[in-house]
C-alpha atoms as a PDB file:
ATOM      1  CA  MET A   1      -6.984  79.833  19.606  1.00  0.00           C
ATOM      2  CA  GLY A   2      -7.460  77.899  16.697  1.00  0.00           C
ATOM      3  CA  THR A   3      -5.056  80.370  14.624  1.00  0.00           C
ATOM      4  CA  LYS A   4      -2.122  78.689  12.395  1.00  0.00           C
ATOM      5  CA  ARG A   5       0.852  79.354  10.568  1.00  0.00           C
ATOM      6  CA  LYS A   6       2.485  77.275   7.349  1.00  0.00           C
ATOM      7  CA  THR A   7       5.851  78.490   6.348  1.00  0.00           C
ATOM      8  CA  TYR A   8       7.316  77.217   3.213  1.00  0.00           C
ATOM      9  CA  LYS A   9      10.869  77.576   1.929  1.00  0.00           C
ATOM     10  CA  PHE A  10      11.640  77.881  -1.537  1.00  0.00           C
ATOM     11  CA  ARG A  11      14.644  78.363  -3.689  1.00  0.00           C
ATOM     12  CA  HIS A  12      17.074  76.551  -1.074  1.00  0.00           C
ATOM     13  CA  GLY A  13      15.658  79.264   1.866  1.00  0.00           C
ATOM     14  CA  ASP A  14      16.335  82.350   0.166  1.00  0.00           C
ATOM     15  CA  ILE A  15      12.083  82.698  -0.364  1.00  0.00           C
ATOM     16  CA  ILE A  16      10.474  82.296   2.955  1.00  0.00           C
ATOM     17  CA  ASP A  17       6.605  82.437   1.766  1.00  0.00           C
ATOM     18  CA  VAL A  18       4.334  82.312   5.137  1.00  0.00           C
ATOM     19  CA  GLU A  19       0.504  81.798   5.715  1.00  0.00           C
ATOM     20  CA  GLU A  20      -1.292  82.162   8.777  1.00  0.00           C
ATOM     21  CA  PHE A  21      -4.807  81.779   9.391  1.00  0.00           C
ATOM     22  CA  HIS A  22      -7.831  80.696  11.580  1.00  0.00           C
ATOM     23  CA  ASP A  23      -8.044  77.044  10.932  1.00  0.00           C
ATOM     24  CA  GLY A  24     -12.171  77.497  11.165  1.00  0.00           C
ATOM     25  CA  ARG A  25     -12.869  74.733  13.873  1.00  0.00           C
ATOM     26  CA  TYR A  26     -13.337  77.570  16.177  1.00  0.00           C
ATOM     27  CA  GLY A  27     -15.434  80.474  17.022  1.00  0.00           C
ATOM     28  CA  GLY A  28     -13.917  83.966  18.323  1.00  0.00           C
ATOM     29  CA  PRO A  29     -11.923  83.982  21.745  1.00  0.00           C
ATOM     30  CA  GLY A  30     -14.078  81.885  24.353  1.00  0.00           C
ATOM     31  CA  ALA A  31     -16.694  80.932  21.734  1.00  0.00           C
ATOM     32  CA  LYS A  32     -18.547  77.672  20.850  1.00  0.00           C
ATOM     33  CA  ARG A  33     -16.938  75.947  17.953  1.00  0.00           C
ATOM     34  CA  LYS A  34     -19.281  76.810  14.920  1.00  0.00           C
ATOM     35  CA  LYS A  35     -21.290  74.285  13.508  1.00  0.00           C
ATOM     36  CA  ARG A  36     -20.560  73.440   9.797  1.00  0.00           C
ATOM     37  CA  VAL A  37     -22.114  75.108   7.287  1.00  0.00           C
ATOM     38  CA  LYS A  38     -22.156  73.160   3.806  1.00  0.00           C
ATOM     39  CA  PRO A  39     -20.428  75.737   1.626  1.00  0.00           C
ATOM     40  CA  THR A  40     -22.116  77.314  -1.809  1.00  0.00           C
ATOM     41  CA  GLU A  41     -21.264  76.751  -5.264  1.00  0.00           C
ATOM     42  CA  GLU A  42     -19.966  80.289  -5.435  1.00  0.00           C
ATOM     43  CA  GLN A  43     -17.966  80.039  -2.283  1.00  0.00           C
ATOM     44  CA  MET A  44     -16.046  76.859  -3.399  1.00  0.00           C
ATOM     45  CA  TRP A  45     -15.170  78.064  -6.548  1.00  0.00           C
ATOM     46  CA  LYS A  46     -13.841  80.743  -5.381  1.00  0.00           C
ATOM     47  CA  VAL A  47     -11.919  78.930  -2.576  1.00  0.00           C
ATOM     48  CA  ASN A  48     -10.575  76.281  -5.228  1.00  0.00           C
ATOM     49  CA  ASN A  49      -9.408  79.770  -7.358  1.00  0.00           C
ATOM     50  CA  LEU A  50      -7.598  80.821  -4.726  1.00  0.00           C
ATOM     51  CA  ASN A  51      -6.135  77.367  -4.115  1.00  0.00           C
ATOM     52  CA  LYS A  52      -5.146  76.681  -8.004  1.00  0.00           C
ATOM     53  CA  ALA A  53      -3.611  80.544  -7.745  1.00  0.00           C
ATOM     54  CA  LYS A  54      -1.583  79.691  -4.441  1.00  0.00           C
ATOM     55  CA  ARG A  55       0.023  76.393  -5.783  1.00  0.00           C
ATOM     56  CA  CYS A  56       0.317  78.579  -8.996  1.00  0.00           C
ATOM     57  CA  ARG A  57       2.612  81.257  -7.148  1.00  0.00           C
ATOM     58  CA  GLN A  58       4.427  78.671  -4.774  1.00  0.00           C
ATOM     59  CA  ARG A  59       5.553  76.663  -8.362  1.00  0.00           C
ATOM     60  CA  LEU A  60       6.867  80.364  -9.558  1.00  0.00           C
ATOM     61  CA  LEU A  61       8.526  80.962  -6.852  1.00  0.00           C
ATOM     62  CA  GLU A  62      10.077  77.617  -6.452  1.00  0.00           C
ATOM     63  CA  TYR A  63      11.350  76.962 -10.105  1.00  0.00           C
ATOM     64  CA  PHE A  64      11.098  80.272 -11.960  1.00  0.00           C
ATOM     65  CA  SER A  65      12.984  83.961 -11.578  1.00  0.00           C
ATOM     66  CA  PRO A  66      12.168  87.887 -12.906  1.00  0.00           C
ATOM     67  CA  GLY A  67      14.520  87.071 -15.588  1.00  0.00           C
ATOM     68  CA  ASP A  68      12.135  83.895 -17.256  1.00  0.00           C
ATOM     69  CA  THR A  69       9.683  84.131 -20.007  1.00  0.00           C
ATOM     70  CA  PHE A  70       6.231  84.965 -20.420  1.00  0.00           C
ATOM     71  CA  ALA A  71       4.527  84.395 -23.918  1.00  0.00           C
ATOM     72  CA  THR A  72       1.300  84.339 -25.345  1.00  0.00           C
ATOM     73  CA  TRP A  73       0.552  81.476 -28.470  1.00  0.00           C
ATOM     74  CA  THR A  74      -2.432  83.196 -30.765  1.00  0.00           C
ATOM     75  CA  TYR A  75      -4.437  81.765 -33.537  1.00  0.00           C
ATOM     76  CA  GLU A  76      -4.766  83.111 -36.521  1.00  0.00           C
ATOM     77  CA  VAL A  77      -8.638  82.740 -37.641  1.00  0.00           C
ATOM     78  CA  GLN A  78      -8.510  79.932 -39.890  1.00  0.00           C
ATOM     79  CA  ASN A  79      -6.328  77.874 -36.901  1.00  0.00           C
ATOM     80  CA  ARG A  80      -8.947  78.286 -34.432  1.00  0.00           C
ATOM     81  CA  PRO A  81      -9.561  75.041 -32.800  1.00  0.00           C
ATOM     82  CA  PRO A  82     -13.101  73.834 -32.563  1.00  0.00           C
ATOM     83  CA  THR A  83     -12.816  72.383 -29.007  1.00  0.00           C
ATOM     84  CA  MET A  84     -10.552  72.393 -25.517  1.00  0.00           C
ATOM     85  CA  ALA A  85      -9.194  68.925 -26.587  1.00  0.00           C
ATOM     86  CA  ASP A  86      -8.289  70.143 -30.032  1.00  0.00           C
ATOM     87  CA  ALA A  87      -6.477  73.495 -28.520  1.00  0.00           C
ATOM     88  CA  LEU A  88      -4.509  70.912 -25.952  1.00  0.00           C
ATOM     89  CA  LYS A  89      -3.356  69.093 -29.057  1.00  0.00           C
ATOM     90  CA  ASP A  90      -1.855  72.058 -30.607  1.00  0.00           C
ATOM     91  CA  PHE A  91      -0.103  73.090 -27.024  1.00  0.00           C
ATOM     92  CA  GLN A  92       1.519  69.344 -26.860  1.00  0.00           C
ATOM     93  CA  LYS A  93       2.707  69.353 -30.292  1.00  0.00           C
ATOM     94  CA  ALA A  94       4.554  72.548 -29.420  1.00  0.00           C
ATOM     95  CA  MET A  95       5.762  71.523 -26.580  1.00  0.00           C
ATOM     96  CA  ARG A  96       7.096  68.203 -27.791  1.00  0.00           C
ATOM     97  CA  TYR A  97       9.149  70.173 -30.117  1.00  0.00           C
ATOM     98  CA  VAL A  98      10.382  72.781 -27.201  1.00  0.00           C
ATOM     99  CA  ARG A  99      11.294  69.570 -25.071  1.00  0.00           C
ATOM    100  CA  LYS A 100      13.151  68.345 -28.016  1.00  0.00           C
ATOM    101  CA  GLU A 101      15.276  71.615 -28.372  1.00  0.00           C
ATOM    102  CA  TYR A 102      16.007  72.247 -24.767  1.00  0.00           C
ATOM    103  CA  LYS A 103      17.309  68.900 -24.481  1.00  0.00           C
ATOM    104  CA  LYS A 104      19.291  69.467 -27.013  1.00  0.00           C
ATOM    105  CA  ARG A 105      20.671  71.997 -25.104  1.00  0.00           C
ATOM    106  CA  GLY A 106      21.490  70.200 -21.984  1.00  0.00           C
ATOM    107  CA  TYR A 107      18.393  71.838 -20.039  1.00  0.00           C
ATOM    108  CA  GLU A 108      15.235  70.392 -18.688  1.00  0.00           C
ATOM    109  CA  VAL A 109      12.009  72.567 -19.663  1.00  0.00           C
ATOM    110  CA  PHE A 110       9.564  73.944 -16.764  1.00  0.00           C
ATOM    111  CA  TRP A 111       6.720  74.807 -18.076  1.00  0.00           C
ATOM    112  CA  ILE A 112       2.483  76.872 -16.547  1.00  0.00           C
ATOM    113  CA  ARG A 113       0.258  77.857 -18.854  1.00  0.00           C
ATOM    114  CA  ASN A 114      -3.359  78.539 -19.491  1.00  0.00           C
ATOM    115  CA  ILE A 115      -4.905  77.957 -22.819  1.00  0.00           C
ATOM    116  CA  GLU A 116      -7.904  80.569 -22.750  1.00  0.00           C
ATOM    117  CA  ARG A 117     -10.860  81.047 -25.481  1.00  0.00           C
ATOM    118  CA  GLY A 118     -12.715  84.141 -24.825  1.00  0.00           C
ATOM    119  CA  THR A 119     -16.406  84.749 -25.007  1.00  0.00           C
ATOM    120  CA  LYS A 120     -16.042  86.392 -28.783  1.00  0.00           C
ATOM    121  CA  GLY A 121     -14.647  82.861 -29.874  1.00  0.00           C
ATOM    122  CA  ALA A 122     -11.180  83.781 -30.155  1.00  0.00           C
ATOM    123  CA  TRP A 123      -8.373  81.270 -28.579  1.00  0.00           C
ATOM    124  CA  HIS A 124      -4.653  82.136 -27.416  1.00  0.00           C
ATOM    125  CA  ILE A 125      -1.858  80.207 -24.857  1.00  0.00           C
ATOM    126  CA  HIS A 126      -0.338  82.110 -21.911  1.00  0.00           C
ATOM    127  CA  LEU A 127       3.103  80.320 -20.944  1.00  0.00           C
ATOM    128  CA  VAL A 128       5.386  81.190 -18.600  1.00  0.00           C
ATOM    129  CA  ILE A 129       8.642  79.210 -19.355  1.00  0.00           C
ATOM    130  CA  ASN A 130      12.461  78.853 -17.740  1.00  0.00           C
ATOM    131  CA  GLU A 131      14.757  81.344 -20.146  1.00  0.00           C
ATOM    132  CA  ILE A 132      17.670  79.318 -21.680  1.00  0.00           C
ATOM    133  CA  GLY A 133      19.176  81.579 -23.812  1.00  0.00           C
ATOM    134  CA  ASP A 134      17.549  80.616 -26.591  1.00  0.00           C
ATOM    135  CA  THR A 135      13.886  80.481 -25.470  1.00  0.00           C
ATOM    136  CA  ALA A 136      12.621  83.236 -27.777  1.00  0.00           C
ATOM    137  CA  ASN A 137      13.678  81.148 -30.996  1.00  0.00           C
ATOM    138  CA  ILE A 138      12.351  78.036 -30.080  1.00  0.00           C
ATOM    139  CA  ILE A 139       9.170  79.239 -28.947  1.00  0.00           C
ATOM    140  CA  ARG A 140       8.334  81.038 -32.012  1.00  0.00           C
ATOM    141  CA  LYS A 141       9.506  77.861 -34.345  1.00  0.00           C
ATOM    142  CA  ALA A 142       7.192  75.699 -32.070  1.00  0.00           C
ATOM    143  CA  TRP A 143       4.018  77.540 -32.846  1.00  0.00           C
ATOM    144  CA  GLU A 144       3.102  77.259 -36.114  1.00  0.00           C
ATOM    145  CA  LYS A 145      -1.032  78.078 -35.799  1.00  0.00           C
ATOM    146  CA  GLY A 146      -0.896  82.276 -35.165  1.00  0.00           C
ATOM    147  CA  GLY A 147       1.510  84.932 -33.387  1.00  0.00           C
ATOM    148  CA  THR A 148       4.203  84.442 -30.347  1.00  0.00           C
ATOM    149  CA  TYR A 149       4.090  87.529 -28.316  1.00  0.00           C
ATOM    150  CA  ILE A 150       7.359  87.455 -25.759  1.00  0.00           C
ATOM    151  CA  SER A 151       8.251  89.105 -22.797  1.00  0.00           C
ATOM    152  CA  THR A 152      10.883  88.753 -19.985  1.00  0.00           C
ATOM    153  CA  ILE A 153       8.753  88.628 -16.858  1.00  0.00           C
ATOM    154  CA  LYS A 154      10.246  91.343 -14.831  1.00  0.00           C
ATOM    155  CA  ASP A 155      10.095  93.647 -17.538  1.00  0.00           C
ATOM    156  CA  ASN A 156       5.893  93.431 -18.074  1.00  0.00           C
ATOM    157  CA  GLU A 157       4.314  95.612 -15.457  1.00  0.00           C
ATOM    158  CA  LYS A 158       1.065  93.873 -15.760  1.00  0.00           C
ATOM    159  CA  ILE A 159       2.411  90.121 -14.447  1.00  0.00           C
ATOM    160  CA  TYR A 160       5.150  91.322 -12.526  1.00  0.00           C
ATOM    161  CA  ASP A 161       5.515  91.939  -8.321  1.00  0.00           C
ATOM    162  CA  GLU A 162       8.034  90.656  -6.156  1.00  0.00           C
ATOM    163  CA  ASP A 163       5.838  87.414  -5.019  1.00  0.00           C
ATOM    164  CA  PHE A 164       4.796  86.870  -8.061  1.00  0.00           C
ATOM    165  CA  THR A 165       1.077  87.067  -7.102  1.00  0.00           C
ATOM    166  CA  LYS A 166      -0.071  88.977 -10.384  1.00  0.00           C
ATOM    167  CA  LEU A 167       1.580  86.311 -12.879  1.00  0.00           C
ATOM    168  CA  SER A 168      -0.276  83.673 -10.696  1.00  0.00           C
ATOM    169  CA  ASN A 169      -3.577  85.510 -10.728  1.00  0.00           C
ATOM    170  CA  TYR A 170      -3.058  86.168 -14.538  1.00  0.00           C
ATOM    171  CA  VAL A 171      -2.447  82.543 -15.729  1.00  0.00           C
ATOM    172  CA  THR A 172      -5.116  81.063 -13.298  1.00  0.00           C
ATOM    173  CA  LYS A 173      -8.029  83.105 -14.920  1.00  0.00           C
ATOM    174  CA  ASN A 174     -11.284  81.264 -15.725  1.00  0.00           C
ATOM    175  CA  GLU A 175     -14.708  81.906 -16.791  1.00  0.00           C
ATOM    176  CA  HIS A 176     -15.668  82.956 -13.252  1.00  0.00           C
ATOM    177  CA  THR A 177     -12.919  85.728 -13.239  1.00  0.00           C
ATOM    178  CA  THR A 178     -14.328  89.431 -13.480  1.00  0.00           C
ATOM    179  CA  TYR A 179     -12.416  92.202 -14.548  1.00  0.00           C
ATOM    180  CA  GLU A 180     -12.658  96.136 -12.673  1.00  0.00           C
ATOM    181  CA  LYS A 181     -14.015  98.693 -15.278  1.00  0.00           C
ATOM    182  CA  ALA A 182     -12.765 102.263 -15.671  1.00  0.00           C
ATOM    183  CA  ASN A 183     -15.618 103.537 -13.442  1.00  0.00           C
ATOM    184  CA  GLY A 184     -14.548 100.532 -10.593  1.00  0.00           C
ATOM    185  CA  GLN A 185     -17.458  98.167 -11.166  1.00  0.00           C
ATOM    186  CA  GLN A 186     -16.742  94.739 -11.777  1.00  0.00           C
ATOM    187  CA  GLY A 187     -17.629  93.339 -15.419  1.00  0.00           C
ATOM    188  CA  GLU A 188     -18.613  89.991 -16.318  1.00  0.00           C
ATOM    189  CA  SER A 189     -16.053  87.740 -17.421  1.00  0.00           C
ATOM    190  CA  ARG A 190     -14.502  87.698 -20.981  1.00  0.00           C
ATOM    191  CA  MET A 191     -13.614  83.894 -20.927  1.00  0.00           C
ATOM    192  CA  ARG A 192     -15.971  81.184 -22.100  1.00  0.00           C
ATOM    193  CA  GLU A 193     -13.529  78.465 -20.736  1.00  0.00           C
ATOM    194  CA  SER A 194     -10.023  77.731 -19.687  1.00  0.00           C
ATOM    195  CA  ASN A 195      -7.491  75.018 -19.121  1.00  0.00           C
ATOM    196  CA  TYR A 196      -4.777  75.721 -16.804  1.00  0.00           C
ATOM    197  CA  ASN A 197      -1.399  72.998 -16.174  1.00  0.00           C
ATOM    198  CA  THR A 198       1.934  72.648 -14.981  1.00  0.00           C
ATOM    199  CA  SER A 199       4.802  70.518 -16.389  1.00  0.00           C
ATOM    200  CA  ARG A 200       5.067  67.568 -14.100  1.00  0.00           C
ATOM    201  CA  ASN A 201       8.603  67.663 -12.961  1.00  0.00           C
ATOM    202  CA  MET A 202       7.680  70.406 -10.523  1.00  0.00           C
ATOM    203  CA  PRO A 203       6.750  69.113  -6.791  1.00  0.00           C
ATOM    204  CA  LEU A 204       6.172  71.890  -3.792  1.00  0.00           C
ATOM    205  CA  PRO A 205       7.952  71.474  -0.354  1.00  0.00           C
ATOM    206  CA  GLU A 206       5.607  70.552   2.461  1.00  0.00           C
ATOM    207  CA  PRO A 207       5.103  73.358   4.892  1.00  0.00           C
ATOM    208  CA  HIS A 208       6.295  73.822   8.468  1.00  0.00           C
ATOM    209  CA  VAL A 209       3.059  74.057  10.819  1.00  0.00           C
ATOM    210  CA  ASP A 210       2.810  75.817  14.041  1.00  0.00           C
ATOM    211  CA  LYS A 211       0.329  76.426  16.096  1.00  0.00           C
ATOM    212  CA  LEU A 212      -0.056  80.736  17.331  1.00  0.00           C
ATOM    213  CA  ILE A 213      -1.202  81.997  20.561  1.00  0.00           C
ATOM    214  CA  ARG A 214      -2.175  84.858  19.365  1.00  0.00           C
ATOM    215  CA  TRP A 215      -2.490  86.668  15.938  1.00  0.00           C
ATOM    216  CA  LYS A 216       0.406  89.237  15.944  1.00  0.00           C
ATOM    217  CA  GLU A 217      -0.959  92.627  14.244  1.00  0.00           C
ATOM    218  CA  GLU A 218       2.114  93.214  11.763  1.00  0.00           C
ATOM    219  CA  PRO A 219       4.493  90.468  11.069  1.00  0.00           C
ATOM    220  CA  LYS A 220       8.521  91.304  11.279  1.00  0.00           C
ATOM    221  CA  PRO A 221      10.770  89.877   9.209  1.00  0.00           C
ATOM    222  CA  LYS A 222      13.466  87.327  10.166  1.00  0.00           C
ATOM    223  CA  LYS A 223      16.985  88.318  10.414  1.00  0.00           C
ATOM    224  CA  GLY A 224      18.948  88.675   7.059  1.00  0.00           C
ATOM    225  CA  TYR A 225      15.639  89.122   4.844  1.00  0.00           C
ATOM    226  CA  TYR A 226      12.924  91.669   4.006  1.00  0.00           C
ATOM    227  CA  ILE A 227       9.054  91.377   3.628  1.00  0.00           C
ATOM    228  CA  ALA A 228       8.020  91.807  -0.022  1.00  0.00           C
ATOM    229  CA  ASN A 229       4.290  92.010   0.050  1.00  0.00           C
ATOM    230  CA  ILE A 230       1.705  91.241   2.893  1.00  0.00           C
ATOM    231  CA  HIS A 231      -1.639  90.137   1.709  1.00  0.00           C
ATOM    232  CA  GLU A 232      -4.793  90.183   4.121  1.00  0.00           C
ATOM    233  CA  GLY A 233      -8.349  88.759   3.497  1.00  0.00           C
ATOM    234  CA  ILE A 234     -11.363  86.952   4.186  1.00  0.00           C
ATOM    235  CA  ASN A 235     -11.753  82.757   3.516  1.00  0.00           C
ATOM    236  CA  PRO A 236     -14.744  82.947   1.733  1.00  0.00           C
ATOM    237  CA  VAL A 237     -15.901  79.480   2.831  1.00  0.00           C
ATOM    238  CA  THR A 238     -14.946  79.922   6.721  1.00  0.00           C
ATOM    239  CA  GLY A 239     -15.425  83.933   7.056  1.00  0.00           C
ATOM    240  CA  TYR A 240     -11.837  83.870   8.632  1.00  0.00           C
ATOM    241  CA  LYS A 241      -9.318  86.748   8.140  1.00  0.00           C
ATOM    242  CA  TYR A 242      -6.209  85.122   6.752  1.00  0.00           C
ATOM    243  CA  ARG A 243      -2.885  86.606   5.909  1.00  0.00           C
ATOM    244  CA  ARG A 244       0.106  85.834   3.836  1.00  0.00           C
ATOM    245  CA  TYR A 245       3.566  87.479   3.433  1.00  0.00           C
ATOM    246  CA  THR A 246       7.036  86.763   1.430  1.00  0.00           C
ATOM    247  CA  GLN A 247      10.087  87.096   2.878  1.00  0.00           C
ATOM    248  CA  ILE A 248      13.054  87.223   0.465  1.00  0.00           C
ATOM    249  CA  ARG A 249      16.988  87.131   1.415  1.00  0.00           C
ATOM    250  CA  LEU A 250      18.539  90.267   1.447  1.00  0.00           C
ATOM    251  CA  ASN A 251      21.690  88.849  -0.305  1.00  0.00           C
ATOM    252  CA  ARG A 252      20.226  86.549  -2.473  1.00  0.00           C
ATOM    253  CA  ARG A 253      22.063  83.723  -4.605  1.00  0.00           C
ATOM    254  CA  GLU A 254      20.969  83.863  -8.101  1.00  0.00           C
END
């Protein structure tokens, strides 16, 4: 009881993203409904981070492909912005140029970005943008504050996996994000502040919701699809297990 499945269809059904979870309104089988407990501040930002990464990943699945571009704009020391508001102005100015150049070539621009300020004062902007054949040239010309570093998403092992989990986690990092040290322990965040955003032309489809009788031990792919990745975890607020997995059509249309 109390188990739900949300199914999202992306790329005209070529990608099916599934979430299964206990909705938190029930105890275990035969148990009374749990009394709602106010979540802690830490639990709330963990849930907010999970939701932000989820929406980012879903936009990546719907609007981007592994052949699109991942870029980083850096600042020369003398050009570092004094505040996040100044960094936002720098980004907006660069994107006005990008938008104009895309429009000239008959394309709409889709982007996801995170502006990051490190604990030592350095700034940079991570940018995911749709590739139109001349993207590298355009974004290099757009950025006047420092360097531009470019890779194709699928060629960058640090950020690429089939369901875009790595990339969505990478571009939604913030001052709460820790990193794993070589000895396996968690190190403190290397970020002082961040600002994440996406272009407004990327609405997400509504999911189809089913109530499940029981939690299946192992999900099975739909006919004609394969399961790219399965992720399981515990919701930090409800304490309940959740699972998500991505199915990709075997003969996918590009």
